[in-house]
Amino acid sequence: MELKKFGLSAANIIWAQHSETETELLNALPAMHKTSPTWEELRGLGVAWWLKNTASLRICAEEVAKAAFQQNQDSMDALLFYIALHKKNVLTYLFKTIRNEAMANIFMNDLNQDYW
């Protein structure tokens, strides 16, 4: 409970950053063993600071995005995570799922064009 309330200290985050066993550290986190990890839990543990493996970081971000959407069935809760992951097709599908056609149409376009 104390870890959940206060998170890790800066010293622990620095030790984790210098560790060569980040996969084992990630697997030891209680948040990663449940089906819906939240950004607040991972932020409190400093995961974005010490997780150097981009594949693992992407997996964490996807899990958090899925959990954020499933919690309230609101695509806006997962929007930033999926944008950071460059998954606009997933966003298009989520907005269609909740019948927000205006947002779905935006993500169906090529966002690299100046107009969009």
PDB file of N, CA and C in Angstrom:
ATOM      1  N   MET A   1       0.828  -1.199   0.000  1.00  0.00           N
ATOM      2  CA  MET A   1       0.000   0.000   0.000  1.00  0.00           C
ATOM      3  C   MET A   1       0.864   1.252   0.000  1.00  0.00           C
ATOM      4  N   GLU A   2       1.951   1.213   0.776  1.00  0.00           N
ATOM      5  CA  GLU A   2       2.831   2.379   0.845  1.00  0.00           C
ATOM      6  C   GLU A   2       3.493   2.634  -0.504  1.00  0.00           C
ATOM      7  N   LEU A   3       3.883   1.567  -1.188  1.00  0.00           N
ATOM      8  CA  LEU A   3       4.485   1.707  -2.508  1.00  0.00           C
ATOM      9  C   LEU A   3       3.485   2.291  -3.491  1.00  0.00           C
ATOM     10  N   LYS A   4       2.246   1.847  -3.398  1.00  0.00           N
ATOM     11  CA  LYS A   4       1.213   2.350  -4.287  1.00  0.00           C
ATOM     12  C   LYS A   4       0.917   3.818  -4.013  1.00  0.00           C
ATOM     13  N   LYS A   5       0.972   4.207  -2.754  1.00  0.00           N
ATOM     14  CA  LYS A   5       0.643   5.578  -2.378  1.00  0.00           C
ATOM     15  C   LYS A   5       1.751   6.559  -2.726  1.00  0.00           C
ATOM     16  N   PHE A   6       2.993   6.191  -2.427  1.00  0.00           N
ATOM     17  CA  PHE A   6       4.110   7.115  -2.592  1.00  0.00           C
ATOM     18  C   PHE A   6       4.985   6.831  -3.808  1.00  0.00           C
ATOM     19  N   GLY A   7       4.877   5.629  -4.375  1.00  0.00           N
ATOM     20  CA  GLY A   7       5.734   5.267  -5.496  1.00  0.00           C
ATOM     21  C   GLY A   7       7.147   4.953  -5.031  1.00  0.00           C
ATOM     22  N   LEU A   8       8.028   4.783  -5.978  1.00  0.00           N
ATOM     23  CA  LEU A   8       9.421   4.495  -5.656  1.00  0.00           C
ATOM     24  C   LEU A   8      10.175   5.787  -5.391  1.00  0.00           C
ATOM     25  N   SER A   9      11.199   5.680  -4.588  1.00  0.00           N
ATOM     26  CA  SER A   9      12.054   6.844  -4.354  1.00  0.00           C
ATOM     27  C   SER A   9      12.938   7.055  -5.576  1.00  0.00           C
ATOM     28  N   ALA A  10      13.503   8.244  -5.682  1.00  0.00           N
ATOM     29  CA  ALA A  10      14.393   8.554  -6.801  1.00  0.00           C
ATOM     30  C   ALA A  10      15.600   7.622  -6.808  1.00  0.00           C
ATOM     31  N   ALA A  11      16.094   7.283  -5.638  1.00  0.00           N
ATOM     32  CA  ALA A  11      17.248   6.381  -5.558  1.00  0.00           C
ATOM     33  C   ALA A  11      16.922   5.009  -6.141  1.00  0.00           C
ATOM     34  N   ASN A  12      15.745   4.491  -5.848  1.00  0.00           N
ATOM     35  CA  ASN A  12      15.348   3.192  -6.394  1.00  0.00           C
ATOM     36  C   ASN A  12      15.161   3.249  -7.905  1.00  0.00           C
ATOM     37  N   ILE A  13      14.634   4.346  -8.392  1.00  0.00           N
ATOM     38  CA  ILE A  13      14.458   4.499  -9.836  1.00  0.00           C
ATOM     39  C   ILE A  13      15.819   4.546 -10.527  1.00  0.00           C
ATOM     40  N   ILE A  14      16.778   5.227  -9.931  1.00  0.00           N
ATOM     41  CA  ILE A  14      18.125   5.296 -10.507  1.00  0.00           C
ATOM     42  C   ILE A  14      18.782   3.917 -10.499  1.00  0.00           C
ATOM     43  N   TRP A  15      18.605   3.151  -9.405  1.00  0.00           N
ATOM     44  CA  TRP A  15      19.144   1.794  -9.379  1.00  0.00           C
ATOM     45  C   TRP A  15      18.502   0.937 -10.461  1.00  0.00           C
ATOM     46  N   ALA A  16      17.220   1.076 -10.638  1.00  0.00           N
ATOM     47  CA  ALA A  16      16.535   0.315 -11.682  1.00  0.00           C
ATOM     48  C   ALA A  16      17.031   0.722 -13.065  1.00  0.00           C
ATOM     49  N   GLN A  17      17.319   2.007 -13.241  1.00  0.00           N
ATOM     50  CA  GLN A  17      17.813   2.490 -14.536  1.00  0.00           C
ATOM     51  C   GLN A  17      19.170   1.881 -14.872  1.00  0.00           C
ATOM     52  N   HIS A  18      19.986   1.629 -13.881  1.00  0.00           N
ATOM     53  CA  HIS A  18      21.307   1.055 -14.116  1.00  0.00           C
ATOM     54  C   HIS A  18      21.311  -0.469 -14.109  1.00  0.00           C
ATOM     55  N   SER A  19      20.179  -1.059 -13.832  1.00  0.00           N
ATOM     56  CA  SER A  19      20.089  -2.511 -13.774  1.00  0.00           C
ATOM     57  C   SER A  19      20.138  -3.110 -15.174  1.00  0.00           C
ATOM     58  N   GLU A  20      20.702  -4.291 -15.261  1.00  0.00           N
ATOM     59  CA  GLU A  20      20.730  -5.026 -16.529  1.00  0.00           C
ATOM     60  C   GLU A  20      19.614  -6.060 -16.588  1.00  0.00           C
ATOM     61  N   THR A  21      18.789  -6.107 -15.569  1.00  0.00           N
ATOM     62  CA  THR A  21      17.701  -7.085 -15.505  1.00  0.00           C
ATOM     63  C   THR A  21      16.347  -6.378 -15.509  1.00  0.00           C
ATOM     64  N   GLU A  22      16.175  -5.456 -16.438  1.00  0.00           N
ATOM     65  CA  GLU A  22      14.934  -4.686 -16.434  1.00  0.00           C
ATOM     66  C   GLU A  22      13.716  -5.544 -16.762  1.00  0.00           C
ATOM     67  N   THR A  23      13.881  -6.596 -17.542  1.00  0.00           N
ATOM     68  CA  THR A  23      12.748  -7.478 -17.833  1.00  0.00           C
ATOM     69  C   THR A  23      12.255  -8.149 -16.554  1.00  0.00           C
ATOM     70  N   GLU A  24      13.188  -8.595 -15.726  1.00  0.00           N
ATOM     71  CA  GLU A  24      12.812  -9.220 -14.463  1.00  0.00           C
ATOM     72  C   GLU A  24      12.175  -8.202 -13.523  1.00  0.00           C
ATOM     73  N   LEU A  25      12.700  -6.982 -13.529  1.00  0.00           N
ATOM     74  CA  LEU A  25      12.095  -5.928 -12.705  1.00  0.00           C
ATOM     75  C   LEU A  25      10.669  -5.643 -13.167  1.00  0.00           C
ATOM     76  N   LEU A  26      10.487  -5.579 -14.468  1.00  0.00           N
ATOM     77  CA  LEU A  26       9.149  -5.317 -15.017  1.00  0.00           C
ATOM     78  C   LEU A  26       8.189  -6.438 -14.655  1.00  0.00           C
ATOM     79  N   ASN A  27       8.659  -7.670 -14.750  1.00  0.00           N
ATOM     80  CA  ASN A  27       7.806  -8.816 -14.406  1.00  0.00           C
ATOM     81  C   ASN A  27       7.502  -8.883 -12.912  1.00  0.00           C
ATOM     82  N   ALA A  28       8.324  -8.252 -12.089  1.00  0.00           N
ATOM     83  CA  ALA A  28       8.107  -8.263 -10.643  1.00  0.00           C
ATOM     84  C   ALA A  28       7.078  -7.221 -10.194  1.00  0.00           C
ATOM     85  N   LEU A  29       6.699  -6.313 -11.089  1.00  0.00           N
ATOM     86  CA  LEU A  29       5.745  -5.268 -10.717  1.00  0.00           C
ATOM     87  C   LEU A  29       4.347  -5.850 -10.577  1.00  0.00           C
ATOM     88  N   PRO A  30       3.680  -5.563  -9.474  1.00  0.00           N
ATOM     89  CA  PRO A  30       2.301  -6.061  -9.307  1.00  0.00           C
ATOM     90  C   PRO A  30       1.361  -5.524 -10.383  1.00  0.00           C
ATOM     91  N   ALA A  31       1.615  -4.325 -10.864  1.00  0.00           N
ATOM     92  CA  ALA A  31       0.734  -3.729 -11.877  1.00  0.00           C
ATOM     93  C   ALA A  31       0.752  -4.522 -13.177  1.00  0.00           C
ATOM     94  N   MET A  32       1.852  -5.187 -13.477  1.00  0.00           N
ATOM     95  CA  MET A  32       1.954  -5.931 -14.728  1.00  0.00           C
ATOM     96  C   MET A  32       1.345  -7.322 -14.634  1.00  0.00           C
ATOM     97  N   HIS A  33       0.973  -7.753 -13.435  1.00  0.00           N
ATOM     98  CA  HIS A  33       0.372  -9.071 -13.272  1.00  0.00           C
ATOM     99  C   HIS A  33      -1.149  -9.026 -13.333  1.00  0.00           C
ATOM    100  N   LYS A  34      -1.712  -7.846 -13.225  1.00  0.00           N
ATOM    101  CA  LYS A  34      -3.159  -7.759 -13.334  1.00  0.00           C
ATOM    102  C   LYS A  34      -3.530  -7.407 -14.766  1.00  0.00           C
ATOM    103  N   THR A  35      -4.779  -7.529 -15.074  1.00  0.00           N
ATOM    104  CA  THR A  35      -5.200  -7.366 -16.462  1.00  0.00           C
ATOM    105  C   THR A  35      -5.297  -5.916 -16.904  1.00  0.00           C
ATOM    106  N   SER A  36      -5.329  -4.993 -15.971  1.00  0.00           N
ATOM    107  CA  SER A  36      -5.491  -3.592 -16.369  1.00  0.00           C
ATOM    108  C   SER A  36      -4.549  -2.666 -15.593  1.00  0.00           C
ATOM    109  N   PRO A  37      -3.276  -2.609 -16.011  1.00  0.00           N
ATOM    110  CA  PRO A  37      -2.359  -1.672 -15.348  1.00  0.00           C
ATOM    111  C   PRO A  37      -2.738  -0.237 -15.706  1.00  0.00           C
ATOM    112  N   THR A  38      -2.563   0.655 -14.776  1.00  0.00           N
ATOM    113  CA  THR A  38      -2.892   2.057 -15.038  1.00  0.00           C
ATOM    114  C   THR A  38      -1.618   2.874 -15.147  1.00  0.00           C
ATOM    115  N   TRP A  39      -1.740   4.015 -15.826  1.00  0.00           N
ATOM    116  CA  TRP A  39      -0.608   4.907 -15.978  1.00  0.00           C
ATOM    117  C   TRP A  39      -0.141   5.419 -14.615  1.00  0.00           C
ATOM    118  N   GLU A  40      -1.062   5.658 -13.704  1.00  0.00           N
ATOM    119  CA  GLU A  40      -0.694   6.153 -12.387  1.00  0.00           C
ATOM    120  C   GLU A  40       0.210   5.161 -11.657  1.00  0.00           C
ATOM    121  N   GLU A  41      -0.100   3.874 -11.763  1.00  0.00           N
ATOM    122  CA  GLU A  41       0.718   2.853 -11.113  1.00  0.00           C
ATOM    123  C   GLU A  41       2.124   2.801 -11.725  1.00  0.00           C
ATOM    124  N   LEU A  42       2.184   2.786 -13.045  1.00  0.00           N
ATOM    125  CA  LEU A  42       3.483   2.705 -13.709  1.00  0.00           C
ATOM    126  C   LEU A  42       4.289   3.983 -13.536  1.00  0.00           C
ATOM    127  N   ARG A  43       3.614   5.113 -13.513  1.00  0.00           N
ATOM    128  CA  ARG A  43       4.305   6.386 -13.293  1.00  0.00           C
ATOM    129  C   ARG A  43       4.888   6.435 -11.885  1.00  0.00           C
ATOM    130  N   GLY A  44       4.143   5.958 -10.903  1.00  0.00           N
ATOM    131  CA  GLY A  44       4.630   5.936  -9.532  1.00  0.00           C
ATOM    132  C   GLY A  44       5.847   5.047  -9.359  1.00  0.00           C
ATOM    133  N   LEU A  45       5.966   4.047 -10.210  1.00  0.00           N
ATOM    134  CA  LEU A  45       7.115   3.155 -10.157  1.00  0.00           C
ATOM    135  C   LEU A  45       8.253   3.617 -11.069  1.00  0.00           C
ATOM    136  N   GLY A  46       8.048   4.724 -11.755  1.00  0.00           N
ATOM    137  CA  GLY A  46       9.100   5.293 -12.597  1.00  0.00           C
ATOM    138  C   GLY A  46       9.446   4.464 -13.811  1.00  0.00           C
ATOM    139  N   VAL A  47       8.511   3.663 -14.304  1.00  0.00           N
ATOM    140  CA  VAL A  47       8.796   2.746 -15.409  1.00  0.00           C
ATOM    141  C   VAL A  47       9.320   3.486 -16.640  1.00  0.00           C
ATOM    142  N   ALA A  48       8.786   4.626 -16.951  1.00  0.00           N
ATOM    143  CA  ALA A  48       9.232   5.366 -18.137  1.00  0.00           C
ATOM    144  C   ALA A  48      10.674   5.844 -18.001  1.00  0.00           C
ATOM    145  N   TRP A  49      11.181   5.928 -16.782  1.00  0.00           N
ATOM    146  CA  TRP A  49      12.559   6.375 -16.566  1.00  0.00           C
ATOM    147  C   TRP A  49      13.565   5.244 -16.698  1.00  0.00           C
ATOM    148  N   TRP A  50      13.212   4.060 -16.221  1.00  0.00           N
ATOM    149  CA  TRP A  50      14.214   2.998 -16.188  1.00  0.00           C
ATOM    150  C   TRP A  50      14.042   1.913 -17.223  1.00  0.00           C
ATOM    151  N   LEU A  51      12.931   1.877 -17.919  1.00  0.00           N
ATOM    152  CA  LEU A  51      12.716   0.837 -18.921  1.00  0.00           C
ATOM    153  C   LEU A  51      13.335   1.291 -20.243  1.00  0.00           C
ATOM    154  N   LYS A  52      14.472   0.714 -20.595  1.00  0.00           N
ATOM    155  CA  LYS A  52      15.221   1.125 -21.784  1.00  0.00           C
ATOM    156  C   LYS A  52      14.844   0.322 -23.023  1.00  0.00           C
ATOM    157  N   ASN A  53      14.305  -0.844 -22.852  1.00  0.00           N
ATOM    158  CA  ASN A  53      13.921  -1.698 -23.970  1.00  0.00           C
ATOM    159  C   ASN A  53      12.638  -1.146 -24.588  1.00  0.00           C
ATOM    160  N   THR A  54      12.746  -0.646 -25.820  1.00  0.00           N
ATOM    161  CA  THR A  54      11.587   0.002 -26.446  1.00  0.00           C
ATOM    162  C   THR A  54      10.445  -0.974 -26.700  1.00  0.00           C
ATOM    163  N   ALA A  55      10.767  -2.216 -26.982  1.00  0.00           N
ATOM    164  CA  ALA A  55       9.700  -3.204 -27.197  1.00  0.00           C
ATOM    165  C   ALA A  55       8.893  -3.403 -25.920  1.00  0.00           C
ATOM    166  N   SER A  56       9.564  -3.491 -24.794  1.00  0.00           N
ATOM    167  CA  SER A  56       8.872  -3.639 -23.515  1.00  0.00           C
ATOM    168  C   SER A  56       8.065  -2.390 -23.178  1.00  0.00           C
ATOM    169  N   LEU A  57       8.632  -1.242 -23.488  1.00  0.00           N
ATOM    170  CA  LEU A  57       7.927   0.009 -23.234  1.00  0.00           C
ATOM    171  C   LEU A  57       6.667   0.112 -24.080  1.00  0.00           C
ATOM    172  N   ARG A  58       6.748  -0.332 -25.332  1.00  0.00           N
ATOM    173  CA  ARG A  58       5.575  -0.335 -26.203  1.00  0.00           C
ATOM    174  C   ARG A  58       4.491  -1.279 -25.669  1.00  0.00           C
ATOM    175  N   ILE A  59       4.920  -2.432 -25.177  1.00  0.00           N
ATOM    176  CA  ILE A  59       3.962  -3.390 -24.620  1.00  0.00           C
ATOM    177  C   ILE A  59       3.269  -2.781 -23.404  1.00  0.00           C
ATOM    178  N   CYS A  60       4.034  -2.122 -22.547  1.00  0.00           N
ATOM    179  CA  CYS A  60       3.443  -1.463 -21.370  1.00  0.00           C
ATOM    180  C   CYS A  60       2.441  -0.398 -21.802  1.00  0.00           C
ATOM    181  N   ALA A  61       2.817   0.415 -22.783  1.00  0.00           N
ATOM    182  CA  ALA A  61       1.931   1.486 -23.251  1.00  0.00           C
ATOM    183  C   ALA A  61       0.651   0.912 -23.859  1.00  0.00           C
ATOM    184  N   GLU A  62       0.766  -0.184 -24.594  1.00  0.00           N
ATOM    185  CA  GLU A  62      -0.429  -0.815 -25.167  1.00  0.00           C
ATOM    186  C   GLU A  62      -1.337  -1.364 -24.081  1.00  0.00           C
ATOM    187  N   GLU A  63      -0.761  -1.982 -23.075  1.00  0.00           N
ATOM    188  CA  GLU A  63      -1.559  -2.517 -21.968  1.00  0.00           C
ATOM    189  C   GLU A  63      -2.288  -1.392 -21.231  1.00  0.00           C
ATOM    190  N   VAL A  64      -1.594  -0.292 -21.008  1.00  0.00           N
ATOM    191  CA  VAL A  64      -2.211   0.853 -20.329  1.00  0.00           C
ATOM    192  C   VAL A  64      -3.313   1.447 -21.199  1.00  0.00           C
ATOM    193  N   ALA A  65      -3.077   1.542 -22.509  1.00  0.00           N
ATOM    194  CA  ALA A  65      -4.091   2.090 -23.420  1.00  0.00           C
ATOM    195  C   ALA A  65      -5.341   1.210 -23.437  1.00  0.00           C
ATOM    196  N   LYS A  66      -5.146  -0.091 -23.527  1.00  0.00           N
ATOM    197  CA  LYS A  66      -6.294  -1.018 -23.510  1.00  0.00           C
ATOM    198  C   LYS A  66      -7.088  -0.875 -22.219  1.00  0.00           C
ATOM    199  N   ALA A  67      -6.371  -0.836 -21.117  1.00  0.00           N
ATOM    200  CA  ALA A  67      -7.035  -0.719 -19.814  1.00  0.00           C
ATOM    201  C   ALA A  67      -7.767   0.613 -19.686  1.00  0.00           C
ATOM    202  N   ALA A  68      -7.153   1.686 -20.200  1.00  0.00           N
ATOM    203  CA  ALA A  68      -7.787   3.006 -20.124  1.00  0.00           C
ATOM    204  C   ALA A  68      -9.089   3.021 -20.919  1.00  0.00           C
ATOM    205  N   PHE A  69      -9.092   2.406 -22.090  1.00  0.00           N
ATOM    206  CA  PHE A  69     -10.320   2.362 -22.892  1.00  0.00           C
ATOM    207  C   PHE A  69     -11.379   1.491 -22.228  1.00  0.00           C
ATOM    208  N   GLN A  70     -10.992   0.334 -21.747  1.00  0.00           N
ATOM    209  CA  GLN A  70     -11.950  -0.611 -21.180  1.00  0.00           C
ATOM    210  C   GLN A  70     -12.571  -0.122 -19.884  1.00  0.00           C
ATOM    211  N   GLN A  71     -11.873   0.757 -19.186  1.00  0.00           N
ATOM    212  CA  GLN A  71     -12.396   1.234 -17.908  1.00  0.00           C
ATOM    213  C   GLN A  71     -13.695   2.016 -18.081  1.00  0.00           C
ATOM    214  N   ASN A  72     -13.737   2.938 -19.054  1.00  0.00           N
ATOM    215  CA  ASN A  72     -14.934   3.777 -19.246  1.00  0.00           C
ATOM    216  C   ASN A  72     -15.532   3.658 -20.633  1.00  0.00           C
ATOM    217  N   GLN A  73     -14.975   2.788 -21.475  1.00  0.00           N
ATOM    218  CA  GLN A  73     -15.397   2.679 -22.869  1.00  0.00           C
ATOM    219  C   GLN A  73     -15.331   4.041 -23.563  1.00  0.00           C
ATOM    220  N   ASP A  74     -14.261   4.788 -23.285  1.00  0.00           N
ATOM    221  CA  ASP A  74     -14.066   6.117 -23.867  1.00  0.00           C
ATOM    222  C   ASP A  74     -12.727   6.141 -24.591  1.00  0.00           C
ATOM    223  N   SER A  75     -12.781   6.352 -25.893  1.00  0.00           N
ATOM    224  CA  SER A  75     -11.563   6.365 -26.705  1.00  0.00           C
ATOM    225  C   SER A  75     -10.633   7.507 -26.344  1.00  0.00           C
ATOM    226  N   MET A  76     -11.177   8.586 -25.816  1.00  0.00           N
ATOM    227  CA  MET A  76     -10.342   9.734 -25.453  1.00  0.00           C
ATOM    228  C   MET A  76      -9.387   9.388 -24.306  1.00  0.00           C
ATOM    229  N   ASP A  77      -9.744   8.421 -23.476  1.00  0.00           N
ATOM    230  CA  ASP A  77      -8.871   8.010 -22.378  1.00  0.00           C
ATOM    231  C   ASP A  77      -7.607   7.312 -22.891  1.00  0.00           C
ATOM    232  N   ALA A  78      -7.695   6.686 -24.056  1.00  0.00           N
ATOM    233  CA  ALA A  78      -6.565   5.954 -24.620  1.00  0.00           C
ATOM    234  C   ALA A  78      -5.892   6.706 -25.767  1.00  0.00           C
ATOM    235  N   LEU A  79      -6.420   7.864 -26.102  1.00  0.00           N
ATOM    236  CA  LEU A  79      -5.972   8.604 -27.284  1.00  0.00           C
ATOM    237  C   LEU A  79      -4.472   8.882 -27.289  1.00  0.00           C
ATOM    238  N   LEU A  80      -3.933   9.472 -26.248  1.00  0.00           N
ATOM    239  CA  LEU A  80      -2.519   9.848 -26.233  1.00  0.00           C
ATOM    240  C   LEU A  80      -1.596   8.641 -26.313  1.00  0.00           C
ATOM    241  N   PHE A  81      -1.983   7.555 -25.681  1.00  0.00           N
ATOM    242  CA  PHE A  81      -1.148   6.359 -25.726  1.00  0.00           C
ATOM    243  C   PHE A  81      -1.065   5.807 -27.142  1.00  0.00           C
ATOM    244  N   TYR A  82      -2.212   5.705 -27.819  1.00  0.00           N
ATOM    245  CA  TYR A  82      -2.208   5.166 -29.178  1.00  0.00           C
ATOM    246  C   TYR A  82      -1.563   6.124 -30.177  1.00  0.00           C
ATOM    247  N   ILE A  83      -1.661   7.426 -29.955  1.00  0.00           N
ATOM    248  CA  ILE A  83      -0.958   8.373 -30.820  1.00  0.00           C
ATOM    249  C   ILE A  83       0.544   8.210 -30.637  1.00  0.00           C
ATOM    250  N   ALA A  84       0.998   8.075 -29.411  1.00  0.00           N
ATOM    251  CA  ALA A  84       2.423   7.884 -29.151  1.00  0.00           C
ATOM    252  C   ALA A  84       2.934   6.582 -29.767  1.00  0.00           C
ATOM    253  N   LEU A  85       2.062   5.591 -29.851  1.00  0.00           N
ATOM    254  CA  LEU A  85       2.439   4.307 -30.438  1.00  0.00           C
ATOM    255  C   LEU A  85       2.268   4.284 -31.956  1.00  0.00           C
ATOM    256  N   HIS A  86       1.812   5.401 -32.547  1.00  0.00           N
ATOM    257  CA  HIS A  86       1.557   5.506 -33.999  1.00  0.00           C
ATOM    258  C   HIS A  86       0.525   4.477 -34.451  1.00  0.00           C
ATOM    259  N   LYS A  87      -0.543   4.330 -33.688  1.00  0.00           N
ATOM    260  CA  LYS A  87      -1.591   3.361 -34.014  1.00  0.00           C
ATOM    261  C   LYS A  87      -2.902   4.083 -34.293  1.00  0.00           C
ATOM    262  N   LYS A  88      -2.905   4.854 -35.368  1.00  0.00           N
ATOM    263  CA  LYS A  88      -4.116   5.611 -35.683  1.00  0.00           C
ATOM    264  C   LYS A  88      -5.235   4.705 -36.177  1.00  0.00           C
ATOM    265  N   ASN A  89      -4.884   3.535 -36.747  1.00  0.00           N
ATOM    266  CA  ASN A  89      -5.935   2.605 -37.182  1.00  0.00           C
ATOM    267  C   ASN A  89      -6.714   2.063 -35.987  1.00  0.00           C
ATOM    268  N   VAL A  90      -6.025   1.833 -34.887  1.00  0.00           N
ATOM    269  CA  VAL A  90      -6.705   1.374 -33.672  1.00  0.00           C
ATOM    270  C   VAL A  90      -7.644   2.472 -33.177  1.00  0.00           C
ATOM    271  N   LEU A  91      -7.179   3.716 -33.229  1.00  0.00           N
ATOM    272  CA  LEU A  91      -8.032   4.834 -32.806  1.00  0.00           C
ATOM    273  C   LEU A  91      -9.259   4.957 -33.693  1.00  0.00           C
ATOM    274  N   THR A  92      -9.078   4.779 -34.994  1.00  0.00           N
ATOM    275  CA  THR A  92     -10.222   4.826 -35.909  1.00  0.00           C
ATOM    276  C   THR A  92     -11.251   3.777 -35.515  1.00  0.00           C
ATOM    277  N   TYR A  93     -10.781   2.560 -35.246  1.00  0.00           N
ATOM    278  CA  TYR A  93     -11.680   1.484 -34.850  1.00  0.00           C
ATOM    279  C   TYR A  93     -12.374   1.786 -33.520  1.00  0.00           C
ATOM    280  N   LEU A  94     -11.628   2.298 -32.544  1.00  0.00           N
ATOM    281  CA  LEU A  94     -12.227   2.597 -31.238  1.00  0.00           C
ATOM    282  C   LEU A  94     -13.293   3.677 -31.348  1.00  0.00           C
ATOM    283  N   PHE A  95     -13.016   4.709 -32.137  1.00  0.00           N
ATOM    284  CA  PHE A  95     -14.012   5.768 -32.293  1.00  0.00           C
ATOM    285  C   PHE A  95     -15.241   5.271 -33.060  1.00  0.00           C
ATOM    286  N   LYS A  96     -15.040   4.360 -33.995  1.00  0.00           N
ATOM    287  CA  LYS A  96     -16.202   3.760 -34.674  1.00  0.00           C
ATOM    288  C   LYS A  96     -16.999   2.904 -33.699  1.00  0.00           C
ATOM    289  N   THR A  97     -16.303   2.220 -32.805  1.00  0.00           N
ATOM    290  CA  THR A  97     -16.956   1.356 -31.826  1.00  0.00           C
ATOM    291  C   THR A  97     -17.901   2.152 -30.934  1.00  0.00           C
ATOM    292  N   ILE A  98     -17.479   3.342 -30.531  1.00  0.00           N
ATOM    293  CA  ILE A  98     -18.327   4.147 -29.652  1.00  0.00           C
ATOM    294  C   ILE A  98     -19.212   5.111 -30.448  1.00  0.00           C
ATOM    295  N   ARG A  99     -19.240   4.917 -31.763  1.00  0.00           N
ATOM    296  CA  ARG A  99     -20.089   5.688 -32.681  1.00  0.00           C
ATOM    297  C   ARG A  99     -19.762   7.187 -32.687  1.00  0.00           C
ATOM    298  N   ASN A 100     -18.486   7.495 -32.643  1.00  0.00           N
ATOM    299  CA  ASN A 100     -18.034   8.874 -32.785  1.00  0.00           C
ATOM    300  C   ASN A 100     -17.438   8.988 -34.192  1.00  0.00           C
ATOM    301  N   GLU A 101     -18.322   9.140 -35.168  1.00  0.00           N
ATOM    302  CA  GLU A 101     -17.915   9.132 -36.572  1.00  0.00           C
ATOM    303  C   GLU A 101     -17.026  10.317 -36.927  1.00  0.00           C
ATOM    304  N   ALA A 102     -17.230  11.462 -36.280  1.00  0.00           N
ATOM    305  CA  ALA A 102     -16.419  12.643 -36.597  1.00  0.00           C
ATOM    306  C   ALA A 102     -14.943  12.376 -36.290  1.00  0.00           C
ATOM    307  N   MET A 103     -14.664  11.841 -35.122  1.00  0.00           N
ATOM    308  CA  MET A 103     -13.278  11.534 -34.760  1.00  0.00           C
ATOM    309  C   MET A 103     -12.740  10.374 -35.594  1.00  0.00           C
ATOM    310  N   ALA A 104     -13.566   9.393 -35.887  1.00  0.00           N
ATOM    311  CA  ALA A 104     -13.132   8.272 -36.722  1.00  0.00           C
ATOM    312  C   ALA A 104     -12.730   8.767 -38.106  1.00  0.00           C
ATOM    313  N   ASN A 105     -13.497   9.711 -38.660  1.00  0.00           N
ATOM    314  CA  ASN A 105     -13.173  10.256 -39.983  1.00  0.00           C
ATOM    315  C   ASN A 105     -11.864  11.030 -39.972  1.00  0.00           C
ATOM    316  N   ILE A 106     -11.583  11.725 -38.877  1.00  0.00           N
ATOM    317  CA  ILE A 106     -10.306  12.451 -38.777  1.00  0.00           C
ATOM    318  C   ILE A 106      -9.140  11.480 -38.842  1.00  0.00           C
ATOM    319  N   PHE A 107      -9.215  10.383 -38.104  1.00  0.00           N
ATOM    320  CA  PHE A 107      -8.107   9.439 -38.072  1.00  0.00           C
ATOM    321  C   PHE A 107      -8.030   8.560 -39.311  1.00  0.00           C
ATOM    322  N   MET A 108      -9.064   8.564 -40.135  1.00  0.00           N
ATOM    323  CA  MET A 108      -9.020   7.820 -41.387  1.00  0.00           C
ATOM    324  C   MET A 108      -8.205   8.568 -42.443  1.00  0.00           C
ATOM    325  N   ASN A 109      -7.961   9.857 -42.236  1.00  0.00           N
ATOM    326  CA  ASN A 109      -7.211  10.649 -43.200  1.00  0.00           C
ATOM    327  C   ASN A 109      -5.712  10.537 -42.950  1.00  0.00           C
ATOM    328  N   ASP A 110      -4.948  11.010 -43.956  1.00  0.00           N
ATOM    329  CA  ASP A 110      -3.492  11.017 -43.852  1.00  0.00           C
ATOM    330  C   ASP A 110      -3.086  12.234 -43.017  1.00  0.00           C
ATOM    331  N   LEU A 111      -2.669  11.999 -41.784  1.00  0.00           N
ATOM    332  CA  LEU A 111      -2.352  13.092 -40.876  1.00  0.00           C
ATOM    333  C   LEU A 111      -1.011  13.750 -41.160  1.00  0.00           C
ATOM    334  N   ASN A 112      -0.287  13.233 -42.163  1.00  0.00           N
ATOM    335  CA  ASN A 112       0.972  13.844 -42.568  1.00  0.00           C
ATOM    336  C   ASN A 112       0.750  15.022 -43.519  1.00  0.00           C
ATOM    337  N   GLN A 113      -0.447  15.124 -44.075  1.00  0.00           N
ATOM    338  CA  GLN A 113      -0.751  16.237 -44.962  1.00  0.00           C
ATOM    339  C   GLN A 113      -1.008  17.500 -44.125  1.00  0.00           C
ATOM    340  N   ASP A 114      -0.633  18.640 -44.674  1.00  0.00           N
ATOM    341  CA  ASP A 114      -0.791  19.909 -43.968  1.00  0.00           C
ATOM    342  C   ASP A 114      -2.250  20.194 -43.615  1.00  0.00           C
ATOM    343  N   TYR A 115      -3.169  19.824 -44.490  1.00  0.00           N
ATOM    344  CA  TYR A 115      -4.578  20.102 -44.253  1.00  0.00           C
ATOM    345  C   TYR A 115      -5.074  19.431 -42.968  1.00  0.00           C
ATOM    346  N   TRP A 116      -4.630  18.210 -42.733  1.00  0.00           N
ATOM    347  CA  TRP A 116      -5.092  17.463 -41.561  1.00  0.00           C
ATOM    348  C   TRP A 116      -4.187  17.688 -40.373  1.00  0.00           C
TER     349      TRP A 116
END
